[in-house]
Amino acid sequence: MEKFFKFSERNTTLRAEIIAGLTTFMAMAYILMVNPGMFSDLAIVGQDVSFGAIYIATAISAIVGTVLIGLLANLPLAQATGMGLNAFFVYTVCFGLGFSYANALLFVLFDGILFVILTVTGLRSVLFNAVPAAVKAAIPAGIGLFIAFIGLQDSKLVVADAATGVTMNTFNLLGNATWASIMPLLITVLAVVAIAVLSKKGVKGAILWTILGAGVLYYLLGFTIKDFYAGFSVDMLNPMTAFKDFGTKAFAKVFTEGFNFDTYLATHKTASLIVTLITTSLAFCMVDMFDTMGTLYGACRGGDLLVENEKGELEVPNMNKAMLADAIATCAGAICGTSTVTTYVESSAGVAAGGRTGFASLVTAAMFLIALFLSPIAALIPACAYAAALIYVGILMIGSVKDIDWADPTIALPAFLTLTIMSFTYNISYGIAAGLISYVLVKACTGKIKEINIGTWVISALFAVMFFLSH
């Protein structure tokens, strides 16, 4: 272990690595409740997807990705289904564009394969450089708003309105509201505040502890509501049900049903399918790549793990291997039945706790392995509890806007359109498209056409074709 993980070289110990691995797991374990809860919404459009199936898919893909980055790159980081990209999968690709659950998994598989090719061939930098800095900075912020908006709706704090589209739900007990309708709203509000307070106090796993606490409070207050516990049964506590659902409803669906686009082609032309397939897979890949690169650099910088290259620049050690682990994990996630797998920024919590090697990742993966058998507990978590996590993750992601030069209109416009279109249209690819196309137009019209990368022209043209042929 000393020879492989280089404990002495990185000034760490086995005990420190174990504590770091446990800390990272506690910080990111909320995904085991949030992701299946989000995918469960697919039942609204008739997709046969269960909470248990996605719970197992989420845990297995996290194990695969985390083990890979630990063994291949020897970094104390962890991977799991990415927040934002899971919302894009469910609410944009399936709800908005009309693709089936299995079709959407195919897009994710193509994303992973493309990511592998870009990493192995070294072309990753070409795609990375094709996206302007303003759009790169706006993408996380846009995804943050997108996720927060979903959380507000899942919690029922924001509801549909005939006049304005959406509005704030009512707390008025003298009007149409009842204690049964207000109680979950109050829990969400309290949970968001609790996450902020615990995070400020430096509590490890603040989001997870708050979700669990909010769930307990929800069921305690349930005793004050008539018929609240109607429908509960002992069968709901059987962890084997989730494994059964995983085998029949999620695993390998990308191969058995993913290539069947008959439902989509019934209302769309073949050209629309081809363009949408390319641009959607590209959007998945770009967001995954930017997210991973940013997380790798940020986490390693926080742990003083960056190394100096031949140019004298600081870079992530074993960067290509870390990116390859991410790409392979995304392919594995698609096969298991979940959306894009990416490196988690919560890994920084483990790094801050002393993690310096890939052994910490193996500890985190071991915790996910144990968690495979805890699906009944996760399934009991109400939407009002995990919605708070969505809202708070949005807060964490919006901070990237500080890196945007809002005083320069040629930067402000693409950045603004990226983050607003992304959240207002429920579509990450539309946001990226609006940002890139507006960047090309504003630069060309201000005499700065030479500043536009050739790759930017190509990708912008692809997204422009998407609007004209598939939307």
Protein backbone atom coordinates (compact mmCIF):
# COMPACT_ATOMS: atom_id res chain seq x y z
CA MET A 1 0.00 0.00 0.00
CA GLU A 2 2.83 2.39 0.85
CA LYS A 3 4.50 1.69 -2.49
CA PHE A 4 1.29 2.03 -4.53
CA PHE A 5 -0.37 4.99 -2.80
CA LYS A 6 2.85 6.77 -1.69
CA PHE A 7 1.71 7.68 1.82
CA SER A 8 5.13 8.96 2.93
CA GLU A 9 5.75 10.95 -0.24
CA ARG A 10 2.44 12.76 0.22
CA ASN A 11 2.89 13.18 3.95
CA THR A 12 -0.16 11.23 5.03
CA THR A 13 -1.12 8.16 7.08
CA LEU A 14 -3.56 5.29 6.76
CA ARG A 15 -5.69 6.75 9.55
CA ALA A 16 -5.83 10.16 7.85
CA GLU A 17 -6.88 8.56 4.56
CA ILE A 18 -9.68 6.58 6.23
CA ILE A 19 -11.02 9.71 7.95
CA ALA A 20 -10.83 11.61 4.66
CA GLY A 21 -12.70 8.88 2.79
CA LEU A 22 -15.46 8.81 5.39
CA THR A 23 -15.70 12.61 5.33
CA THR A 24 -16.10 12.69 1.55
CA PHE A 25 -18.83 10.07 1.70
CA MET A 26 -20.76 11.99 4.35
CA ALA A 27 -20.47 15.15 2.25
CA MET A 28 -21.83 13.60 -0.96
CA ALA A 29 -24.09 10.76 0.22
CA TYR A 30 -27.13 12.99 -0.32
CA ILE A 31 -26.96 12.06 -4.01
CA LEU A 32 -28.28 8.60 -3.04
CA MET A 33 -31.56 10.24 -2.04
CA VAL A 34 -31.72 13.17 -4.42
CA ASN A 35 -30.94 11.36 -7.68
CA PRO A 36 -33.50 8.53 -7.33
CA GLY A 37 -36.09 11.07 -6.18
CA MET A 38 -35.50 13.12 -9.30
CA PHE A 39 -35.61 10.11 -11.64
CA SER A 40 -38.85 8.94 -10.00
CA ASP A 41 -40.55 11.90 -11.66
CA LEU A 42 -40.20 10.04 -14.97
CA ALA A 43 -43.25 8.02 -13.92
CA ILE A 44 -45.26 11.18 -14.73
CA VAL A 45 -44.56 10.65 -18.44
CA GLY A 46 -45.15 6.90 -18.28
CA GLN A 47 -41.54 5.70 -17.90
CA ASP A 48 -41.13 2.48 -15.91
CA VAL A 49 -38.44 3.75 -13.55
CA SER A 50 -38.45 3.12 -9.80
CA PHE A 51 -36.69 4.82 -6.90
CA GLY A 52 -34.99 1.58 -5.91
CA ALA A 53 -33.63 0.86 -9.37
CA ILE A 54 -32.02 4.28 -9.67
CA TYR A 55 -30.74 4.13 -6.09
CA ILE A 56 -28.75 0.98 -6.91
CA ALA A 57 -27.62 2.42 -10.26
CA THR A 58 -26.44 5.58 -8.51
CA ALA A 59 -24.53 3.65 -5.83
CA ILE A 60 -22.86 1.22 -8.27
CA SER A 61 -21.77 3.97 -10.67
CA ALA A 62 -20.36 5.93 -7.70
CA ILE A 63 -18.40 2.85 -6.62
CA VAL A 64 -17.00 2.31 -10.13
CA GLY A 65 -16.03 5.94 -10.67
CA THR A 66 -14.55 6.43 -7.21
CA VAL A 67 -12.48 3.22 -7.35
CA LEU A 68 -11.20 4.16 -10.80
CA ILE A 69 -10.04 7.65 -9.86
CA GLY A 70 -8.42 6.24 -6.73
CA LEU A 71 -6.53 3.46 -8.47
CA LEU A 72 -5.77 5.09 -11.82
CA ALA A 73 -4.96 8.63 -10.69
CA ASN A 74 -4.15 8.03 -6.99
CA LEU A 75 -6.21 11.07 -6.02
CA PRO A 76 -8.44 11.39 -2.90
CA LEU A 77 -11.51 12.27 -4.94
CA ALA A 78 -14.90 10.65 -5.47
CA GLN A 79 -17.38 10.41 -8.31
CA ALA A 80 -21.12 9.97 -8.60
CA THR A 81 -24.05 11.02 -10.74
CA GLY A 82 -23.61 14.74 -11.39
CA MET A 83 -26.08 17.29 -10.09
CA GLY A 84 -27.45 19.40 -12.91
CA LEU A 85 -26.79 16.77 -15.53
CA ASN A 86 -29.31 14.49 -13.83
CA ALA A 87 -31.87 17.30 -14.01
CA PHE A 88 -30.96 17.84 -17.68
CA PHE A 89 -31.50 14.11 -18.28
CA VAL A 90 -34.92 13.98 -16.62
CA TYR A 91 -36.53 17.35 -17.23
CA THR A 92 -34.99 18.32 -20.57
CA VAL A 93 -34.14 15.18 -22.54
CA CYS A 94 -37.10 13.10 -21.33
CA PHE A 95 -39.78 15.66 -20.39
CA GLY A 96 -38.87 18.46 -22.79
CA LEU A 97 -37.51 16.72 -25.89
CA GLY A 98 -39.73 13.67 -25.56
CA PHE A 99 -37.11 10.92 -25.47
CA SER A 100 -37.56 7.76 -23.43
CA TYR A 101 -35.50 6.93 -20.36
CA ALA A 102 -33.51 4.38 -22.39
CA ASN A 103 -32.94 6.88 -25.24
CA ALA A 104 -31.54 9.39 -22.76
CA LEU A 105 -29.17 6.74 -21.42
CA LEU A 106 -27.85 6.33 -24.96
CA PHE A 107 -26.99 10.05 -25.03
CA VAL A 108 -25.08 9.60 -21.78
CA LEU A 109 -23.24 6.59 -23.20
CA PHE A 110 -22.25 8.61 -26.28
CA ASP A 111 -21.11 11.38 -23.91
CA GLY A 112 -18.86 8.91 -22.08
CA ILE A 113 -17.45 7.43 -25.29
CA LEU A 114 -16.75 10.92 -26.68
CA PHE A 115 -15.09 11.87 -23.40
CA VAL A 116 -12.88 8.76 -23.59
CA ILE A 117 -11.85 9.57 -27.18
CA LEU A 118 -11.11 13.22 -26.36
CA THR A 119 -9.01 12.19 -23.36
CA VAL A 120 -7.06 9.39 -25.04
CA THR A 121 -6.32 11.42 -28.19
CA GLY A 122 -5.51 14.65 -26.37
CA LEU A 123 -8.28 16.50 -28.20
CA ARG A 124 -9.88 17.41 -24.88
CA SER A 125 -8.08 20.76 -24.91
CA VAL A 126 -9.53 21.58 -28.35
CA LEU A 127 -13.11 21.30 -27.07
CA PHE A 128 -12.21 23.02 -23.81
CA ASN A 129 -10.65 25.99 -25.62
CA ALA A 130 -13.58 26.24 -28.04
CA VAL A 131 -15.82 27.51 -25.26
CA PRO A 132 -15.19 31.16 -24.27
CA ALA A 133 -14.23 31.88 -20.66
CA ALA A 134 -17.44 33.87 -20.12
CA VAL A 135 -19.60 30.92 -21.11
CA LYS A 136 -17.49 28.50 -19.04
CA ALA A 137 -18.00 30.67 -15.96
CA ALA A 138 -21.72 31.03 -16.61
CA ILE A 139 -22.43 27.31 -17.13
CA PRO A 140 -22.10 26.29 -13.43
CA ALA A 141 -24.17 29.31 -12.39
CA GLY A 142 -26.87 28.47 -14.92
CA ILE A 143 -26.96 24.87 -13.77
CA GLY A 144 -27.18 26.11 -10.19
CA LEU A 145 -30.26 28.22 -10.98
CA PHE A 146 -31.72 25.29 -12.90
CA ILE A 147 -31.26 22.90 -9.98
CA ALA A 148 -32.55 25.40 -7.43
CA PHE A 149 -35.67 26.02 -9.53
CA ILE A 150 -36.33 22.28 -9.63
CA GLY A 151 -35.87 22.09 -5.87
CA LEU A 152 -38.33 24.92 -5.32
CA GLN A 153 -40.89 23.10 -7.46
CA ASP A 154 -40.26 19.65 -5.94
CA SER A 155 -40.82 21.12 -2.49
CA LYS A 156 -44.00 22.85 -3.75
CA LEU A 157 -42.68 26.23 -2.58
CA VAL A 158 -43.10 27.30 -6.21
CA VAL A 159 -46.24 26.12 -8.01
CA ALA A 160 -47.87 26.58 -11.41
CA ASP A 161 -49.92 29.70 -12.03
CA ALA A 162 -52.25 30.31 -14.98
CA ALA A 163 -51.42 34.00 -15.23
CA THR A 164 -47.67 34.14 -14.65
CA GLY A 165 -46.57 30.54 -15.22
CA VAL A 166 -45.27 30.07 -11.67
CA THR A 167 -45.86 31.65 -8.27
CA MET A 168 -45.10 31.17 -4.59
CA ASN A 169 -47.29 28.62 -2.83
CA THR A 170 -49.61 29.89 -0.13
CA PHE A 171 -48.99 29.66 3.62
CA ASN A 172 -52.34 31.29 4.42
CA LEU A 173 -54.24 29.11 6.91
CA LEU A 174 -57.15 31.51 6.66
CA GLY A 175 -57.36 30.89 2.92
CA ASN A 176 -56.93 27.67 0.91
CA ALA A 177 -53.93 26.33 2.81
CA THR A 178 -54.14 23.55 5.39
CA TRP A 179 -51.64 22.31 7.94
CA ALA A 180 -51.09 19.23 5.75
CA SER A 181 -50.04 21.45 2.81
CA ILE A 182 -48.01 23.97 4.84
CA MET A 183 -46.03 21.50 6.97
CA PRO A 184 -43.79 20.22 4.10
CA LEU A 185 -43.16 23.79 2.94
CA LEU A 186 -41.98 24.80 6.39
CA ILE A 187 -39.68 21.79 6.56
CA THR A 188 -38.00 22.77 3.28
CA VAL A 189 -37.47 26.34 4.45
CA LEU A 190 -36.05 25.18 7.79
CA ALA A 191 -33.85 22.60 6.04
CA VAL A 192 -32.27 25.15 3.69
CA VAL A 193 -31.49 27.43 6.64
CA ALA A 194 -30.13 24.47 8.62
CA ILE A 195 -27.75 23.48 5.80
CA ALA A 196 -26.41 27.02 5.67
CA VAL A 197 -25.94 27.19 9.44
CA LEU A 198 -24.22 23.79 9.67
CA SER A 199 -22.01 24.61 6.68
CA LYS A 200 -21.00 27.89 8.30
CA LYS A 201 -20.06 26.02 11.47
CA GLY A 202 -17.94 23.59 9.44
CA VAL A 203 -20.05 20.49 10.08
CA LYS A 204 -18.98 17.67 7.74
CA GLY A 205 -21.88 16.25 5.75
CA ALA A 206 -24.13 19.23 6.50
CA ILE A 207 -26.42 18.45 3.57
CA LEU A 208 -26.77 14.76 4.44
CA TRP A 209 -27.45 15.37 8.14
CA THR A 210 -30.02 18.02 7.31
CA ILE A 211 -31.84 15.79 4.83
CA LEU A 212 -32.02 12.99 7.40
CA GLY A 213 -33.10 15.40 10.15
CA ALA A 214 -35.75 16.96 7.94
CA GLY A 215 -37.04 13.49 7.08
CA VAL A 216 -37.35 12.56 10.75
CA LEU A 217 -39.16 15.84 11.49
CA TYR A 218 -41.53 15.21 8.58
CA TYR A 219 -42.61 11.85 9.98
CA LEU A 220 -42.87 13.15 13.53
CA LEU A 221 -45.17 15.94 12.39
CA GLY A 222 -47.08 13.35 10.36
CA PHE A 223 -48.76 12.29 13.60
CA THR A 224 -50.58 15.64 13.54
CA ILE A 225 -52.19 14.88 10.15
CA LYS A 226 -55.09 12.49 9.68
CA ASP A 227 -54.40 9.39 7.51
CA PHE A 228 -50.77 10.46 7.08
CA TYR A 229 -49.47 6.91 7.54
CA ALA A 230 -52.06 5.22 5.34
CA GLY A 231 -50.39 3.04 2.73
CA PHE A 232 -47.20 2.25 4.68
CA SER A 233 -46.26 -1.43 4.76
CA VAL A 234 -43.45 -3.69 5.98
CA ASP A 235 -42.61 -4.63 2.37
CA MET A 236 -41.28 -1.11 1.87
CA LEU A 237 -38.35 -1.99 4.17
CA ASN A 238 -37.03 -4.88 2.05
CA PRO A 239 -33.67 -3.82 0.47
CA MET A 240 -33.78 -6.69 -2.04
CA THR A 241 -36.67 -5.02 -3.88
CA ALA A 242 -34.32 -2.32 -5.11
CA PHE A 243 -31.86 -4.88 -6.52
CA LYS A 244 -34.70 -6.65 -8.31
CA ASP A 245 -35.93 -3.38 -9.84
CA PHE A 246 -32.38 -2.51 -10.86
CA GLY A 247 -32.05 -5.75 -12.81
CA THR A 248 -35.39 -5.37 -14.60
CA LYS A 249 -35.86 -1.61 -14.97
CA ALA A 250 -32.42 -0.02 -15.24
CA PHE A 251 -29.41 -2.25 -15.93
CA ALA A 252 -28.47 -2.49 -19.64
CA LYS A 253 -31.64 -0.65 -20.74
CA VAL A 254 -29.37 1.51 -22.88
CA PHE A 255 -28.66 -1.56 -25.07
CA THR A 256 -32.02 -3.33 -25.01
CA GLU A 257 -34.21 -0.24 -25.58
CA GLY A 258 -31.93 2.76 -26.08
CA PHE A 259 -31.69 2.48 -29.85
CA ASN A 260 -35.46 2.38 -30.33
CA PHE A 261 -36.51 5.92 -31.31
CA ASP A 262 -39.92 5.00 -32.76
CA THR A 263 -41.83 7.17 -30.29
CA TYR A 264 -39.68 10.21 -31.01
CA LEU A 265 -39.72 9.70 -34.79
CA ALA A 266 -43.51 9.49 -34.74
CA THR A 267 -43.58 13.27 -34.27
CA HIS A 268 -40.13 14.32 -35.52
CA LYS A 269 -38.06 13.91 -38.67
CA THR A 270 -34.88 11.83 -38.88
CA ALA A 271 -32.77 14.97 -39.43
CA SER A 272 -34.10 16.35 -36.16
CA LEU A 273 -33.10 13.15 -34.35
CA ILE A 274 -29.56 13.23 -35.74
CA VAL A 275 -28.96 16.88 -34.87
CA THR A 276 -30.49 16.52 -31.41
CA LEU A 277 -28.45 13.38 -30.77
CA ILE A 278 -25.20 15.18 -31.63
CA THR A 279 -25.88 18.44 -29.81
CA THR A 280 -27.37 16.84 -26.69
CA SER A 281 -24.50 14.37 -26.33
CA LEU A 282 -22.08 17.26 -26.90
CA ALA A 283 -23.80 19.32 -24.19
CA PHE A 284 -23.57 16.40 -21.76
CA CYS A 285 -19.87 15.98 -22.59
CA MET A 286 -18.96 19.67 -22.33
CA VAL A 287 -20.64 20.16 -18.97
CA ASP A 288 -19.12 16.93 -17.67
CA MET A 289 -15.66 17.93 -18.85
CA PHE A 290 -15.78 21.49 -17.49
CA ASP A 291 -17.21 20.29 -14.19
CA THR A 292 -14.55 17.60 -13.80
CA MET A 293 -11.61 19.79 -14.76
CA GLY A 294 -12.73 22.57 -12.43
CA THR A 295 -13.32 20.17 -9.54
CA LEU A 296 -10.01 18.38 -10.03
CA TYR A 297 -8.05 21.62 -10.02
CA GLY A 298 -9.96 23.16 -7.11
CA ALA A 299 -9.78 20.10 -4.86
CA CYS A 300 -6.10 19.44 -5.58
CA ARG A 301 -5.20 23.09 -5.04
CA GLY A 302 -6.97 23.03 -1.67
CA GLY A 303 -4.93 20.00 -0.63
CA ASP A 304 -1.65 21.35 -2.02
CA LEU A 305 -1.53 18.43 -4.44
CA LEU A 306 -0.82 20.41 -7.61
CA VAL A 307 2.47 19.69 -9.37
CA GLU A 308 4.60 21.89 -11.61
CA ASN A 309 4.85 20.93 -15.30
CA GLU A 310 7.68 21.60 -17.74
CA LYS A 311 6.29 25.10 -18.42
CA GLY A 312 6.41 25.99 -14.76
CA GLU A 313 2.61 25.88 -14.46
CA LEU A 314 0.73 24.14 -11.67
CA GLU A 315 -1.44 21.26 -12.81
CA VAL A 316 -3.37 18.30 -11.41
CA PRO A 317 -1.18 15.17 -11.04
CA ASN A 318 -2.23 12.32 -13.33
CA MET A 319 -4.79 14.64 -14.96
CA ASN A 320 -5.39 12.45 -18.02
CA LYS A 321 -5.88 9.35 -15.87
CA ALA A 322 -8.37 11.23 -13.68
CA MET A 323 -10.30 12.40 -16.72
CA LEU A 324 -10.24 8.90 -18.18
CA ALA A 325 -11.65 7.52 -14.92
CA ASP A 326 -14.47 10.05 -15.17
CA ALA A 327 -15.20 9.13 -18.79
CA ILE A 328 -15.24 5.38 -18.10
CA ALA A 329 -17.47 5.94 -15.07
CA THR A 330 -19.95 7.84 -17.24
CA CYS A 331 -20.14 4.86 -19.62
CA ALA A 332 -20.64 2.56 -16.64
CA GLY A 333 -23.35 4.86 -15.29
CA ALA A 334 -25.22 4.72 -18.59
CA ILE A 335 -25.09 0.93 -18.55
CA CYS A 336 -26.29 0.85 -14.94
CA GLY A 337 -29.12 3.23 -15.74
CA THR A 338 -28.19 6.68 -14.45
CA SER A 339 -27.03 9.96 -15.94
CA THR A 340 -23.50 11.34 -16.31
CA VAL A 341 -21.02 10.46 -13.57
CA THR A 342 -18.62 13.22 -12.61
CA THR A 343 -16.06 14.16 -9.97
CA TYR A 344 -17.72 15.70 -6.93
CA VAL A 345 -16.70 19.05 -5.53
CA GLU A 346 -17.61 17.62 -2.11
CA SER A 347 -14.37 15.66 -2.41
CA SER A 348 -12.77 18.88 -1.17
CA ALA A 349 -14.20 18.06 2.26
CA GLY A 350 -12.15 14.86 2.34
CA VAL A 351 -9.06 16.67 1.10
CA ALA A 352 -9.53 19.27 3.83
CA ALA A 353 -9.76 16.40 6.35
CA GLY A 354 -6.30 15.19 5.29
CA GLY A 355 -6.89 13.01 2.22
CA ARG A 356 -3.87 12.92 -0.07
CA THR A 357 -4.02 9.58 -1.92
CA GLY A 358 -6.37 7.28 -3.77
CA PHE A 359 -6.80 5.14 -0.67
CA ALA A 360 -9.26 7.75 0.62
CA SER A 361 -11.28 7.15 -2.54
CA LEU A 362 -11.37 3.42 -1.86
CA VAL A 363 -12.77 4.13 1.61
CA THR A 364 -15.48 6.32 0.09
CA ALA A 365 -16.28 3.58 -2.43
CA ALA A 366 -16.53 1.04 0.40
CA MET A 367 -19.12 3.26 2.10
CA PHE A 368 -21.15 3.40 -1.11
CA LEU A 369 -20.93 -0.41 -1.20
CA ILE A 370 -22.45 -0.61 2.28
CA ALA A 371 -25.07 1.96 1.28
CA LEU A 372 -26.30 -0.39 -1.46
CA PHE A 373 -28.37 -2.13 1.20
CA LEU A 374 -29.88 1.03 2.68
CA SER A 375 -32.30 1.87 -0.13
CA PRO A 376 -35.43 1.54 2.07
CA ILE A 377 -34.15 4.30 4.33
CA ALA A 378 -33.42 6.57 1.36
CA ALA A 379 -36.84 5.83 -0.16
CA LEU A 380 -38.52 7.16 2.99
CA ILE A 381 -36.95 10.60 2.58
CA PRO A 382 -39.73 13.01 1.46
CA ALA A 383 -39.37 15.49 -1.39
CA CYS A 384 -39.54 18.42 1.01
CA ALA A 385 -36.30 17.17 2.61
CA TYR A 386 -34.15 16.40 -0.44
CA ALA A 387 -35.49 19.48 -2.28
CA ALA A 388 -33.59 21.57 0.27
CA ALA A 389 -30.38 19.95 -0.99
CA LEU A 390 -31.21 20.96 -4.57
CA ILE A 391 -31.80 24.54 -3.52
CA TYR A 392 -28.58 24.72 -1.52
CA VAL A 393 -26.47 23.13 -4.26
CA GLY A 394 -27.80 25.92 -6.49
CA ILE A 395 -26.41 28.42 -3.99
CA LEU A 396 -23.00 26.75 -4.11
CA MET A 397 -22.87 26.81 -7.92
CA ILE A 398 -24.01 30.39 -8.49
CA GLY A 399 -20.71 31.73 -7.11
CA SER A 400 -18.94 31.34 -10.46
CA VAL A 401 -20.58 34.55 -11.70
CA LYS A 402 -17.96 36.52 -9.76
CA ASP A 403 -15.42 35.53 -12.41
CA ILE A 404 -17.40 37.25 -15.19
CA ASP A 405 -16.48 40.77 -16.33
CA TRP A 406 -19.98 42.26 -16.31
CA ALA A 407 -18.63 45.67 -17.39
CA ASP A 408 -17.76 44.30 -20.87
CA PRO A 409 -20.95 43.85 -22.97
CA THR A 410 -19.25 41.33 -25.27
CA ILE A 411 -18.67 39.13 -22.22
CA ALA A 412 -21.76 40.01 -20.19
CA LEU A 413 -24.26 39.17 -22.95
CA PRO A 414 -23.09 35.58 -23.65
CA ALA A 415 -22.70 34.90 -19.93
CA PHE A 416 -26.13 36.28 -19.07
CA LEU A 417 -27.87 34.38 -21.86
CA THR A 418 -26.10 31.16 -20.87
CA LEU A 419 -27.26 31.19 -17.26
CA THR A 420 -30.77 32.60 -17.85
CA ILE A 421 -31.76 30.56 -20.92
CA MET A 422 -30.46 27.44 -19.21
CA SER A 423 -32.67 27.90 -16.15
CA PHE A 424 -35.72 29.52 -17.79
CA THR A 425 -36.06 26.90 -20.55
CA TYR A 426 -35.18 23.81 -18.46
CA ASN A 427 -32.45 23.04 -20.97
CA ILE A 428 -28.69 23.13 -20.40
CA SER A 429 -27.89 22.71 -24.09
CA TYR A 430 -30.08 25.70 -25.01
CA GLY A 431 -28.19 27.82 -22.50
CA ILE A 432 -24.81 26.77 -23.89
CA ALA A 433 -26.08 27.33 -27.42
CA ALA A 434 -27.38 30.83 -26.64
CA GLY A 435 -24.09 31.74 -24.99
CA LEU A 436 -21.91 30.49 -27.85
CA ILE A 437 -24.03 31.91 -30.66
CA SER A 438 -24.35 35.33 -29.00
CA TYR A 439 -20.59 35.34 -28.33
CA VAL A 440 -19.83 34.74 -32.01
CA LEU A 441 -22.30 37.40 -33.14
CA VAL A 442 -21.24 40.09 -30.69
CA LYS A 443 -17.53 39.55 -31.34
CA ALA A 444 -18.02 39.54 -35.11
CA CYS A 445 -20.11 42.74 -35.01
CA THR A 446 -17.58 44.58 -32.84
CA GLY A 447 -14.62 43.92 -35.13
CA LYS A 448 -13.10 41.19 -32.98
CA ILE A 449 -13.74 38.27 -35.28
CA LYS A 450 -10.12 37.11 -34.95
CA GLU A 451 -10.74 36.39 -31.27
CA ILE A 452 -13.21 33.65 -32.20
CA ASN A 453 -11.71 30.16 -32.00
CA ILE A 454 -12.34 27.91 -35.03
CA GLY A 455 -13.78 25.33 -32.66
CA THR A 456 -16.20 27.96 -31.36
CA TRP A 457 -17.44 28.54 -34.91
CA VAL A 458 -18.01 24.82 -35.46
CA ILE A 459 -19.85 24.16 -32.18
CA SER A 460 -21.93 27.35 -32.53
CA ALA A 461 -22.95 26.29 -36.04
CA LEU A 462 -24.02 22.87 -34.74
CA PHE A 463 -26.19 24.46 -32.06
CA ALA A 464 -27.67 26.90 -34.59
CA VAL A 465 -28.64 23.95 -36.79
CA MET A 466 -30.23 22.36 -33.72
CA PHE A 467 -32.60 25.31 -33.30
CA PHE A 468 -33.63 25.30 -36.96
CA LEU A 469 -34.03 21.56 -37.43
CA SER A 470 -34.97 20.04 -34.10
CA HIS A 471 -36.83 22.61 -32.06
